C-alpha atoms as a PDB file:
ATOM      1  CA  MET A   1    -160.986 186.433-175.484  1.00  0.00           C
ATOM      2  CA  GLY A   2    -160.587 182.835-174.378  1.00  0.00           C
ATOM      3  CA  ARG A   3    -159.364 181.376-177.631  1.00  0.00           C
ATOM      4  CA  ASN A   4    -155.811 180.047-177.535  1.00  0.00           C
ATOM      5  CA  VAL A   5    -155.432 180.907-173.822  1.00  0.00           C
ATOM      6  CA  ASN A   6    -154.671 177.961-171.555  1.00  0.00           C
ATOM      7  CA  VAL A   7    -155.568 178.587-167.919  1.00  0.00           C
ATOM      8  CA  LEU A   8    -154.423 176.412-165.030  1.00  0.00           C
ATOM      9  CA  ILE A   9    -156.555 176.593-161.879  1.00  0.00           C
ATOM     10  CA  THR A  10    -155.117 175.327-158.603  1.00  0.00           C
ATOM     11  CA  GLY A  11    -157.830 174.264-156.196  1.00  0.00           C
ATOM     12  CA  ALA A  12    -160.080 173.499-159.179  1.00  0.00           C
ATOM     13  CA  GLY A  13    -161.982 170.980-157.078  1.00  0.00           C
ATOM     14  CA  GLY A  14    -162.714 173.617-154.443  1.00  0.00           C
ATOM     15  CA  PHE A  15    -165.675 175.938-154.110  1.00  0.00           C
ATOM     16  CA  ILE A  16    -164.353 179.053-155.860  1.00  0.00           C
ATOM     17  CA  GLY A  17    -161.978 177.164-158.169  1.00  0.00           C
ATOM     18  CA  SER A  18    -164.708 174.911-159.567  1.00  0.00           C
ATOM     19  CA  HIS A  19    -167.051 177.848-160.178  1.00  0.00           C
ATOM     20  CA  MET A  20    -164.204 179.683-161.914  1.00  0.00           C
ATOM     21  CA  ALA A  21    -163.519 176.643-164.095  1.00  0.00           C
ATOM     22  CA  SER A  22    -167.130 176.611-165.318  1.00  0.00           C
ATOM     23  CA  PHE A  23    -167.090 180.377-165.862  1.00  0.00           C
ATOM     24  CA  LEU A  24    -163.891 180.330-167.930  1.00  0.00           C
ATOM     25  CA  LYS A  25    -165.057 177.370-170.017  1.00  0.00           C
ATOM     26  CA  SER A  26    -168.198 179.358-170.876  1.00  0.00           C
ATOM     27  CA  LYS A  27    -165.875 182.120-172.115  1.00  0.00           C
ATOM     28  CA  GLY A  28    -164.000 179.742-174.420  1.00  0.00           C
ATOM     29  CA  TYR A  29    -160.821 179.211-172.414  1.00  0.00           C
ATOM     30  CA  THR A  30    -158.970 175.916-172.207  1.00  0.00           C
ATOM     31  CA  VAL A  31    -159.065 175.023-168.508  1.00  0.00           C
ATOM     32  CA  ILE A  32    -156.595 172.734-166.758  1.00  0.00           C
ATOM     33  CA  GLY A  33    -157.764 171.777-163.276  1.00  0.00           C
ATOM     34  CA  LEU A  34    -155.305 170.926-160.542  1.00  0.00           C
ATOM     35  CA  ASP A  35    -156.227 169.807-157.026  1.00  0.00           C
ATOM     36  CA  ILE A  36    -155.353 167.273-154.377  1.00  0.00           C
ATOM     37  CA  ASN A  37    -159.013 166.203-154.424  1.00  0.00           C
ATOM     38  CA  PHE A  38    -162.051 166.684-156.672  1.00  0.00           C
ATOM     39  CA  PRO A  39    -165.104 166.320-154.358  1.00  0.00           C
ATOM     40  CA  GLU A  40    -168.306 164.849-155.714  1.00  0.00           C
ATOM     41  CA  ILE A  41    -170.441 167.717-154.364  1.00  0.00           C
ATOM     42  CA  ARG A  42    -168.920 169.986-157.037  1.00  0.00           C
ATOM     43  CA  HIS A  43    -168.489 167.485-159.865  1.00  0.00           C
ATOM     44  CA  GLU A  44    -170.792 169.302-162.295  1.00  0.00           C
ATOM     45  CA  ARG A  45    -168.411 172.267-162.225  1.00  0.00           C
ATOM     46  CA  TRP A  46    -164.949 170.745-162.183  1.00  0.00           C
ATOM     47  CA  LEU A  47    -165.958 168.123-164.757  1.00  0.00           C
ATOM     48  CA  VAL A  48    -165.859 170.832-167.430  1.00  0.00           C
ATOM     49  CA  CYS A  49    -162.065 171.098-167.146  1.00  0.00           C
ATOM     50  CA  ASP A  50    -160.328 170.030-170.346  1.00  0.00           C
ATOM     51  CA  LYS A  51    -157.765 168.199-168.242  1.00  0.00           C
ATOM     52  CA  LYS A  52    -157.567 167.386-164.535  1.00  0.00           C
ATOM     53  CA  TYR A  53    -154.550 166.524-162.410  1.00  0.00           C
ATOM     54  CA  ARG A  54    -154.625 165.233-158.840  1.00  0.00           C
ATOM     55  CA  THR A  55    -151.620 167.142-157.590  1.00  0.00           C
ATOM     56  CA  ASP A  56    -150.399 168.409-154.237  1.00  0.00           C
ATOM     57  CA  VAL A  57    -149.254 172.000-154.779  1.00  0.00           C
ATOM     58  CA  ARG A  58    -146.889 171.602-151.829  1.00  0.00           C
ATOM     59  CA  ASN A  59    -144.808 169.223-153.972  1.00  0.00           C
ATOM     60  CA  PHE A  60    -142.741 171.244-156.441  1.00  0.00           C
ATOM     61  CA  GLU A  61    -141.748 168.205-158.502  1.00  0.00           C
ATOM     62  CA  ASP A  62    -145.408 167.331-159.044  1.00  0.00           C
ATOM     63  CA  LEU A  63    -146.042 170.882-160.238  1.00  0.00           C
ATOM     64  CA  GLU A  64    -143.107 170.647-162.644  1.00  0.00           C
ATOM     65  CA  PHE A  65    -144.588 167.453-164.075  1.00  0.00           C
ATOM     66  CA  VAL A  66    -147.810 169.288-164.965  1.00  0.00           C
ATOM     67  CA  PHE A  67    -146.095 172.433-166.261  1.00  0.00           C
ATOM     68  CA  GLU A  68    -143.812 170.348-168.491  1.00  0.00           C
ATOM     69  CA  LEU A  69    -146.817 168.585-170.043  1.00  0.00           C
ATOM     70  CA  GLU A  70    -149.036 171.624-170.539  1.00  0.00           C
ATOM     71  CA  ASN A  71    -148.540 174.890-172.372  1.00  0.00           C
ATOM     72  CA  ILE A  72    -149.905 177.199-169.678  1.00  0.00           C
ATOM     73  CA  ASP A  73    -150.541 180.913-170.243  1.00  0.00           C
ATOM     74  CA  TRP A  74    -152.307 181.988-167.047  1.00  0.00           C
ATOM     75  CA  VAL A  75    -152.473 180.560-163.523  1.00  0.00           C
ATOM     76  CA  LEU A  76    -155.320 181.149-161.075  1.00  0.00           C
ATOM     77  CA  HIS A  77    -154.146 180.094-157.628  1.00  0.00           C
ATOM     78  CA  PHE A  78    -157.012 179.173-155.287  1.00  0.00           C
ATOM     79  CA  ALA A  79    -155.502 176.119-153.565  1.00  0.00           C
ATOM     80  CA  SER A  80    -155.296 176.718-149.819  1.00  0.00           C
ATOM     81  CA  ASP A  81    -155.467 175.006-146.441  1.00  0.00           C
ATOM     82  CA  MET A  82    -158.451 176.896-145.121  1.00  0.00           C
ATOM     83  CA  GLY A  83    -161.718 176.790-143.206  1.00  0.00           C
ATOM     84  CA  GLY A  84    -163.969 178.934-141.059  1.00  0.00           C
ATOM     85  CA  VAL A  85    -163.258 180.684-137.776  1.00  0.00           C
ATOM     86  CA  GLY A  86    -163.637 177.401-135.913  1.00  0.00           C
ATOM     87  CA  TYR A  87    -160.888 175.786-137.966  1.00  0.00           C
ATOM     88  CA  PHE A  88    -158.381 178.596-137.522  1.00  0.00           C
ATOM     89  CA  SER A  89    -159.160 178.932-133.839  1.00  0.00           C
ATOM     90  CA  THR A  90    -157.767 175.436-133.301  1.00  0.00           C
ATOM     91  CA  HIS A  91    -155.284 175.187-136.195  1.00  0.00           C
ATOM     92  CA  ASP A  92    -152.754 177.846-137.103  1.00  0.00           C
ATOM     93  CA  TYR A  93    -149.227 176.431-137.349  1.00  0.00           C
ATOM     94  CA  TYR A  94    -149.664 173.782-140.030  1.00  0.00           C
ATOM     95  CA  PRO A  95    -152.093 175.755-142.232  1.00  0.00           C
ATOM     96  CA  TYR A  96    -149.515 178.565-142.309  1.00  0.00           C
ATOM     97  CA  LEU A  97    -146.767 176.151-143.368  1.00  0.00           C
ATOM     98  CA  ASN A  98    -148.972 174.433-145.936  1.00  0.00           C
ATOM     99  CA  ASN A  99    -150.179 177.680-147.484  1.00  0.00           C
ATOM    100  CA  MET A 100    -146.760 179.291-147.569  1.00  0.00           C
ATOM    101  CA  GLN A 101    -145.276 176.198-149.191  1.00  0.00           C
ATOM    102  CA  MET A 102    -147.989 176.195-151.859  1.00  0.00           C
ATOM    103  CA  ASP A 103    -147.717 179.925-152.484  1.00  0.00           C
ATOM    104  CA  ILE A 104    -143.929 179.944-152.769  1.00  0.00           C
ATOM    105  CA  ASN A 105    -144.061 176.978-155.142  1.00  0.00           C
ATOM    106  CA  ILE A 106    -146.568 178.788-157.354  1.00  0.00           C
ATOM    107  CA  LEU A 107    -144.448 181.941-157.504  1.00  0.00           C
ATOM    108  CA  LYS A 108    -141.344 179.926-158.328  1.00  0.00           C
ATOM    109  CA  ILE A 109    -142.954 177.747-160.994  1.00  0.00           C
ATOM    110  CA  CYS A 110    -144.697 180.693-162.664  1.00  0.00           C
ATOM    111  CA  GLU A 111    -141.383 182.510-162.940  1.00  0.00           C
ATOM    112  CA  GLN A 112    -139.551 179.376-164.092  1.00  0.00           C
ATOM    113  CA  TYR A 113    -142.035 178.692-166.909  1.00  0.00           C
ATOM    114  CA  LYS A 114    -142.539 182.368-167.788  1.00  0.00           C
ATOM    115  CA  ILE A 115    -146.263 182.348-167.078  1.00  0.00           C
ATOM    116  CA  LYS A 116    -147.854 185.440-168.573  1.00  0.00           C
ATOM    117  CA  ARG A 117    -150.290 186.134-165.738  1.00  0.00           C
ATOM    118  CA  LEU A 118    -151.003 184.935-162.201  1.00  0.00           C
ATOM    119  CA  PHE A 119    -154.099 185.595-160.114  1.00  0.00           C
ATOM    120  CA  TYR A 120    -153.771 185.107-156.369  1.00  0.00           C
ATOM    121  CA  SER A 121    -156.689 184.812-153.935  1.00  0.00           C
ATOM    122  CA  SER A 122    -155.806 186.807-150.846  1.00  0.00           C
ATOM    123  CA  SER A 123    -158.152 187.303-147.889  1.00  0.00           C
ATOM    124  CA  ALA A 124    -159.831 190.027-145.849  1.00  0.00           C
ATOM    125  CA  CYS A 125    -157.985 188.445-142.916  1.00  0.00           C
ATOM    126  CA  ILE A 126    -154.983 190.553-143.960  1.00  0.00           C
ATOM    127  CA  TYR A 127    -156.706 193.681-142.601  1.00  0.00           C
ATOM    128  CA  PRO A 128    -155.729 194.849-139.076  1.00  0.00           C
ATOM    129  CA  ILE A 129    -157.894 193.226-136.432  1.00  0.00           C
ATOM    130  CA  HIS A 130    -157.604 196.088-133.919  1.00  0.00           C
ATOM    131  CA  LYS A 131    -159.760 198.198-136.262  1.00  0.00           C
ATOM    132  CA  GLN A 132    -162.519 195.589-136.371  1.00  0.00           C
ATOM    133  CA  GLN A 133    -163.733 195.430-132.782  1.00  0.00           C
ATOM    134  CA  ASP A 134    -166.526 198.021-132.605  1.00  0.00           C
ATOM    135  CA  THR A 135    -169.937 197.183-134.078  1.00  0.00           C
ATOM    136  CA  SER A 136    -171.093 200.765-133.442  1.00  0.00           C
ATOM    137  CA  ASN A 137    -168.288 202.018-135.685  1.00  0.00           C
ATOM    138  CA  PRO A 138    -167.583 199.200-138.142  1.00  0.00           C
ATOM    139  CA  PHE A 139    -164.341 199.080-140.080  1.00  0.00           C
ATOM    140  CA  ILE A 140    -164.999 199.427-143.820  1.00  0.00           C
ATOM    141  CA  ALA A 141    -161.787 197.987-145.213  1.00  0.00           C
ATOM    142  CA  SER A 142    -160.176 199.795-148.102  1.00  0.00           C
ATOM    143  CA  GLU A 143    -156.983 198.679-149.770  1.00  0.00           C
ATOM    144  CA  ASP A 144    -154.944 201.583-148.406  1.00  0.00           C
ATOM    145  CA  GLU A 145    -155.682 200.477-144.812  1.00  0.00           C
ATOM    146  CA  ILE A 146    -153.814 197.167-144.826  1.00  0.00           C
ATOM    147  CA  TYR A 147    -150.875 198.775-143.020  1.00  0.00           C
ATOM    148  CA  PRO A 148    -149.704 199.072-140.298  1.00  0.00           C
ATOM    149  CA  ALA A 149    -150.270 195.335-140.365  1.00  0.00           C
ATOM    150  CA  ASN A 150    -152.077 193.397-137.643  1.00  0.00           C
ATOM    151  CA  SER A 151    -153.598 190.532-139.572  1.00  0.00           C
ATOM    152  CA  ASP A 152    -156.300 188.130-138.406  1.00  0.00           C
ATOM    153  CA  GLN A 153    -154.711 184.880-137.152  1.00  0.00           C
ATOM    154  CA  MET A 154    -151.736 183.137-138.754  1.00  0.00           C
ATOM    155  CA  TYR A 155    -153.831 182.523-141.867  1.00  0.00           C
ATOM    156  CA  GLY A 156    -154.136 186.269-142.393  1.00  0.00           C
ATOM    157  CA  TRP A 157    -150.423 186.865-141.872  1.00  0.00           C
ATOM    158  CA  GLU A 158    -149.548 184.273-144.491  1.00  0.00           C
ATOM    159  CA  LYS A 159    -152.005 185.772-146.963  1.00  0.00           C
ATOM    160  CA  LEU A 160    -150.493 189.195-146.277  1.00  0.00           C
ATOM    161  CA  MET A 161    -146.963 187.991-146.995  1.00  0.00           C
ATOM    162  CA  MET A 162    -148.031 186.390-150.277  1.00  0.00           C
ATOM    163  CA  THR A 163    -149.880 189.575-151.235  1.00  0.00           C
ATOM    164  CA  ARG A 164    -146.656 191.538-150.704  1.00  0.00           C
ATOM    165  CA  LEU A 165    -144.637 189.003-152.687  1.00  0.00           C
ATOM    166  CA  CYS A 166    -147.067 189.240-155.599  1.00  0.00           C
ATOM    167  CA  GLU A 167    -146.620 193.008-155.612  1.00  0.00           C
ATOM    168  CA  ARG A 168    -142.862 192.476-155.954  1.00  0.00           C
ATOM    169  CA  SER A 169    -142.915 189.518-158.333  1.00  0.00           C
ATOM    170  CA  PRO A 170    -141.123 189.815-161.711  1.00  0.00           C
ATOM    171  CA  ILE A 171    -144.203 188.289-163.381  1.00  0.00           C
ATOM    172  CA  ASP A 172    -147.658 189.844-163.821  1.00  0.00           C
ATOM    173  CA  ALA A 173    -149.115 188.730-160.467  1.00  0.00           C
ATOM    174  CA  ARG A 174    -152.583 190.072-159.630  1.00  0.00           C
ATOM    175  CA  VAL A 175    -154.293 189.933-156.232  1.00  0.00           C
ATOM    176  CA  GLY A 176    -157.950 189.859-155.248  1.00  0.00           C
ATOM    177  CA  ILE A 177    -158.673 190.334-151.535  1.00  0.00           C
ATOM    178  CA  PHE A 178    -161.599 187.991-150.849  1.00  0.00           C
ATOM    179  CA  HIS A 179    -164.237 188.938-148.291  1.00  0.00           C
ATOM    180  CA  THR A 180    -166.677 186.144-147.444  1.00  0.00           C
ATOM    181  CA  ILE A 181    -167.737 184.536-150.733  1.00  0.00           C
ATOM    182  CA  TYR A 182    -170.631 182.101-150.628  1.00  0.00           C
ATOM    183  CA  GLY A 183    -172.908 180.052-152.835  1.00  0.00           C
ATOM    184  CA  PRO A 184    -173.840 176.526-153.941  1.00  0.00           C
ATOM    185  CA  GLY A 185    -171.062 173.994-153.625  1.00  0.00           C
ATOM    186  CA  GLN A 186    -169.570 175.031-150.273  1.00  0.00           C
ATOM    187  CA  GLU A 187    -168.978 172.560-147.455  1.00  0.00           C
ATOM    188  CA  TRP A 188    -171.778 173.005-144.927  1.00  0.00           C
ATOM    189  CA  GLU A 189    -170.498 170.874-142.066  1.00  0.00           C
ATOM    190  CA  GLY A 190    -167.265 169.912-140.357  1.00  0.00           C
ATOM    191  CA  GLU A 191    -164.475 172.086-139.006  1.00  0.00           C
ATOM    192  CA  ARG A 192    -163.755 173.637-142.416  1.00  0.00           C
ATOM    193  CA  ALA A 193    -167.322 174.828-142.991  1.00  0.00           C
ATOM    194  CA  LYS A 194    -167.810 178.554-143.535  1.00  0.00           C
ATOM    195  CA  PHE A 195    -170.606 180.534-141.899  1.00  0.00           C
ATOM    196  CA  PRO A 196    -172.982 181.029-144.897  1.00  0.00           C
ATOM    197  CA  PRO A 197    -173.595 177.356-145.805  1.00  0.00           C
ATOM    198  CA  SER A 198    -173.328 176.301-142.168  1.00  0.00           C
ATOM    199  CA  ILE A 199    -176.043 178.661-140.925  1.00  0.00           C
ATOM    200  CA  ALA A 200    -178.224 177.861-143.945  1.00  0.00           C
ATOM    201  CA  ARG A 201    -177.983 174.157-143.132  1.00  0.00           C
ATOM    202  CA  LYS A 202    -178.811 174.796-139.467  1.00  0.00           C
ATOM    203  CA  VAL A 203    -181.964 176.682-140.466  1.00  0.00           C
ATOM    204  CA  ILE A 204    -183.024 173.877-142.818  1.00  0.00           C
ATOM    205  CA  GLU A 205    -182.473 171.339-140.017  1.00  0.00           C
ATOM    206  CA  SER A 206    -184.547 173.485-137.656  1.00  0.00           C
ATOM    207  CA  LYS A 207    -187.411 173.241-140.127  1.00  0.00           C
ATOM    208  CA  LYS A 208    -187.237 169.447-139.843  1.00  0.00           C
ATOM    209  CA  THR A 209    -186.616 169.080-136.114  1.00  0.00           C
ATOM    210  CA  GLY A 210    -188.185 172.156-134.525  1.00  0.00           C
ATOM    211  CA  LYS A 211    -185.015 172.703-132.531  1.00  0.00           C
ATOM    212  CA  PRO A 212    -183.539 176.208-132.069  1.00  0.00           C
ATOM    213  CA  ILE A 213    -180.783 177.377-134.388  1.00  0.00           C
ATOM    214  CA  GLN A 214    -177.304 177.559-132.881  1.00  0.00           C
ATOM    215  CA  ILE A 215    -175.496 180.907-133.264  1.00  0.00           C
ATOM    216  CA  TRP A 216    -171.838 181.304-132.364  1.00  0.00           C
ATOM    217  CA  GLY A 217    -171.435 184.437-130.241  1.00  0.00           C
ATOM    218  CA  ASP A 218    -174.186 186.964-129.621  1.00  0.00           C
ATOM    219  CA  GLY A 219    -174.911 187.424-133.333  1.00  0.00           C
ATOM    220  CA  SER A 220    -173.901 191.083-133.500  1.00  0.00           C
ATOM    221  CA  GLN A 221    -170.802 190.349-135.597  1.00  0.00           C
ATOM    222  CA  LEU A 222    -170.891 192.345-138.835  1.00  0.00           C
ATOM    223  CA  ARG A 223    -169.794 190.978-142.221  1.00  0.00           C
ATOM    224  CA  THR A 224    -170.268 191.291-145.955  1.00  0.00           C
ATOM    225  CA  PHE A 225    -171.263 188.337-148.139  1.00  0.00           C
ATOM    226  CA  CYS A 226    -170.430 188.232-151.854  1.00  0.00           C
ATOM    227  CA  TYR A 227    -172.376 185.718-153.945  1.00  0.00           C
ATOM    228  CA  ILE A 228    -170.196 183.423-156.039  1.00  0.00           C
ATOM    229  CA  ASP A 229    -171.541 184.554-159.442  1.00  0.00           C
ATOM    230  CA  ASP A 230    -170.591 188.143-158.620  1.00  0.00           C
ATOM    231  CA  ALA A 231    -167.219 186.981-157.298  1.00  0.00           C
ATOM    232  CA  VAL A 232    -166.206 185.085-160.448  1.00  0.00           C
ATOM    233  CA  GLU A 233    -167.166 188.060-162.614  1.00  0.00           C
ATOM    234  CA  LYS A 234    -165.011 190.299-160.438  1.00  0.00           C
ATOM    235  CA  ILE A 235    -162.078 187.867-160.562  1.00  0.00           C
ATOM    236  CA  TYR A 236    -162.380 187.720-164.343  1.00  0.00           C
ATOM    237  CA  ARG A 237    -162.229 191.495-164.640  1.00  0.00           C
ATOM    238  CA  ILE A 238    -159.141 191.686-162.423  1.00  0.00           C
ATOM    239  CA  LEU A 239    -157.586 188.973-164.568  1.00  0.00           C
ATOM    240  CA  THR A 240    -158.328 190.492-167.966  1.00  0.00           C
ATOM    241  CA  MET A 241    -158.465 194.282-167.490  1.00  0.00           C
ATOM    242  CA  PRO A 242    -155.730 196.772-166.494  1.00  0.00           C
ATOM    243  CA  TYR A 243    -154.439 196.095-162.987  1.00  0.00           C
ATOM    244  CA  TYR A 244    -153.545 198.664-160.316  1.00  0.00           C
ATOM    245  CA  GLY A 245    -152.655 196.581-157.291  1.00  0.00           C
ATOM    246  CA  PRO A 246    -154.530 194.400-154.769  1.00  0.00           C
ATOM    247  CA  VAL A 247    -158.266 195.035-154.762  1.00  0.00           C
ATOM    248  CA  ASN A 248    -161.240 193.912-152.668  1.00  0.00           C
ATOM    249  CA  VAL A 249    -163.555 191.236-154.038  1.00  0.00           C
ATOM    250  CA  ALA A 250    -166.573 191.773-151.837  1.00  0.00           C
ATOM    251  CA  SER A 251    -170.080 193.043-151.268  1.00  0.00           C
ATOM    252  CA  SER A 252    -170.715 196.513-149.866  1.00  0.00           C
ATOM    253  CA  GLU A 253    -173.762 195.454-147.830  1.00  0.00           C
ATOM    254  CA  LEU A 254    -172.849 195.130-144.159  1.00  0.00           C
ATOM    255  CA  VAL A 255    -175.094 192.755-142.195  1.00  0.00           C
ATOM    256  CA  SER A 256    -174.983 191.064-138.805  1.00  0.00           C
ATOM    257  CA  VAL A 257    -174.872 187.343-138.179  1.00  0.00           C
ATOM    258  CA  MET A 258    -178.320 187.573-136.577  1.00  0.00           C
ATOM    259  CA  ASP A 259    -179.762 189.498-139.535  1.00  0.00           C
ATOM    260  CA  THR A 260    -178.447 186.778-141.833  1.00  0.00           C
ATOM    261  CA  ALA A 261    -179.905 183.984-139.703  1.00  0.00           C
ATOM    262  CA  GLU A 262    -183.281 185.727-139.542  1.00  0.00           C
ATOM    263  CA  LEU A 263    -183.276 186.236-143.319  1.00  0.00           C
ATOM    264  CA  LEU A 264    -182.678 182.519-143.762  1.00  0.00           C
ATOM    265  CA  CYS A 265    -185.569 181.767-141.429  1.00  0.00           C
ATOM    266  CA  GLU A 266    -187.790 183.831-143.732  1.00  0.00           C
ATOM    267  CA  ILE A 267    -186.486 182.032-146.833  1.00  0.00           C
ATOM    268  CA  VAL A 268    -186.985 178.576-145.311  1.00  0.00           C
ATOM    269  CA  ASP A 269    -190.205 179.592-143.491  1.00  0.00           C
ATOM    270  CA  VAL A 270    -189.139 178.499-140.042  1.00  0.00           C
ATOM    271  CA  PRO A 271    -189.705 180.212-136.649  1.00  0.00           C
ATOM    272  CA  LYS A 272    -186.885 182.490-135.525  1.00  0.00           C
ATOM    273  CA  LYS A 273    -185.732 180.507-132.514  1.00  0.00           C
ATOM    274  CA  PHE A 274    -182.062 180.770-131.623  1.00  0.00           C
ATOM    275  CA  ILE A 275    -179.613 179.569-129.013  1.00  0.00           C
ATOM    276  CA  HIS A 276    -176.324 181.415-128.545  1.00  0.00           C
ATOM    277  CA  GLU A 277    -173.063 179.551-128.000  1.00  0.00           C
ATOM    278  CA  ASN A 278    -170.923 182.285-126.460  1.00  0.00           C
ATOM    279  CA  SER A 279    -168.054 179.886-125.786  1.00  0.00           C
ATOM    280  CA  LYS A 280    -167.552 179.354-129.525  1.00  0.00           C
ATOM    281  CA  PRO A 281    -165.145 181.555-131.524  1.00  0.00           C
ATOM    282  CA  SER A 282    -166.872 184.308-133.476  1.00  0.00           C
ATOM    283  CA  GLY A 283    -164.001 186.165-135.138  1.00  0.00           C
ATOM    284  CA  VAL A 284    -163.584 189.919-135.400  1.00  0.00           C
ATOM    285  CA  LEU A 285    -166.675 191.942-134.509  1.00  0.00           C
ATOM    286  CA  ALA A 286    -167.088 194.336-137.426  1.00  0.00           C
ATOM    287  CA  ARG A 287    -165.541 194.087-140.885  1.00  0.00           C
ATOM    288  CA  GLY A 288    -167.024 195.649-143.985  1.00  0.00           C
ATOM    289  CA  ALA A 289    -165.545 196.313-147.414  1.00  0.00           C
ATOM    290  CA  ASN A 290    -164.940 199.473-149.400  1.00  0.00           C
ATOM    291  CA  ASN A 291    -165.454 198.676-153.095  1.00  0.00           C
ATOM    292  CA  THR A 292    -164.703 202.153-154.464  1.00  0.00           C
ATOM    293  CA  LYS A 293    -161.427 201.087-156.074  1.00  0.00           C
ATOM    294  CA  PHE A 294    -162.940 198.049-157.754  1.00  0.00           C
ATOM    295  CA  GLU A 295    -165.998 199.867-159.073  1.00  0.00           C
ATOM    296  CA  LYS A 296    -163.917 202.760-160.413  1.00  0.00           C
ATOM    297  CA  ILE A 297    -161.477 200.525-162.304  1.00  0.00           C
ATOM    298  CA  TYR A 298    -163.651 197.587-163.317  1.00  0.00           C
ATOM    299  CA  LYS A 299    -167.092 199.190-163.682  1.00  0.00           C
ATOM    300  CA  TYR A 300    -169.028 196.406-161.982  1.00  0.00           C
ATOM    301  CA  LYS A 301    -171.390 196.312-159.032  1.00  0.00           C
ATOM    302  CA  ASN A 302    -172.781 193.147-157.468  1.00  0.00           C
ATOM    303  CA  LYS A 303    -176.011 191.925-159.047  1.00  0.00           C
ATOM    304  CA  TYR A 304    -177.174 189.450-156.413  1.00  0.00           C
ATOM    305  CA  SER A 305    -178.946 190.600-153.279  1.00  0.00           C
ATOM    306  CA  LEU A 306    -178.395 188.763-150.003  1.00  0.00           C
ATOM    307  CA  ARG A 307    -181.862 187.209-150.254  1.00  0.00           C
ATOM    308  CA  GLU A 308    -181.285 186.024-153.821  1.00  0.00           C
ATOM    309  CA  GLY A 309    -177.896 184.548-152.976  1.00  0.00           C
ATOM    310  CA  PHE A 310    -179.019 182.705-149.867  1.00  0.00           C
ATOM    311  CA  THR A 311    -182.108 181.404-151.658  1.00  0.00           C
ATOM    312  CA  GLN A 312    -179.757 179.747-154.145  1.00  0.00           C
ATOM    313  CA  VAL A 313    -177.747 178.249-151.262  1.00  0.00           C
ATOM    314  CA  VAL A 314    -180.898 176.896-149.584  1.00  0.00           C
ATOM    315  CA  ASP A 315    -182.149 175.365-152.836  1.00  0.00           C
ATOM    316  CA  TRP A 316    -178.795 173.683-153.443  1.00  0.00           C
ATOM    317  CA  LEU A 317    -178.567 172.318-149.914  1.00  0.00           C
ATOM    318  CA  LYS A 318    -182.059 170.852-150.154  1.00  0.00           C
ATOM    319  CA  LYS A 319    -181.224 169.122-153.430  1.00  0.00           C
ATOM    320  CA  SER A 320    -177.891 167.863-152.098  1.00  0.00           C
ATOM    321  CA  ASN A 321    -179.343 166.392-148.884  1.00  0.00           C
ATOM    322  CA  LYS A 322    -182.500 164.525-149.811  1.00  0.00           C
END
């Protein structure tokens, strides 16, 4: 399948983009990596790219330079100004502008160079937040419940607008709606850190220090977590099989923040001692994912359990922080 298909990945130095680069290379595709930065923590994945360009997707002229040089068939657009709930609780204006500028540039350049196929990484933040506030009756998001719109923060509104533009694009633009994807290679600290690697790192530190593990909120927040190997397989199927509109890329297993933290304590073999930071942002209270559409069309169910996935994260963090 991959022979004679040149794939450009924006955000190829990022968590999902670098994993996707390795996956596509294993399938025989020619992979062109594009990113503003290629971090060392993921070098073993982005190094496989046949060519790499340090390019700011916000700059249309820089994009044109790359597209003029390369004969590109498909584009996978992962580049984004993003982070966890802490990041978007303090930043909303500039991430919206940055992401919209990148997304519009990608749509324009793909049309200009007659790209055969575009994959866009949307987000579960597009789903209406007023439906996600009751842990006793959690919202299991299905693709037909995006509207009436009430997206999560400015980040979610921007992702929603790009999702709608992809549906109307004159090119073959495909959309995966990402619910929390995790695995080795994610940033575990700083304002952009996501919950899965962050909580795993806190548990590992507790093993060393004996200090309690900090939990943002009361821990009752409900989420799904999709391991990266399952996610890249799902993205690949959306990219290569018949497409019927935006579709969730997610796990079906709904778990609480506390359940996840306690599971990590079991994996690391550390006492379950926690301290709750109720002043910290914790996001919507209950968001699950309905994967009926994906499983019906693409005939794939996640292979990694939560324990298996987080064990991989713990092992990677230990190796990366000797």
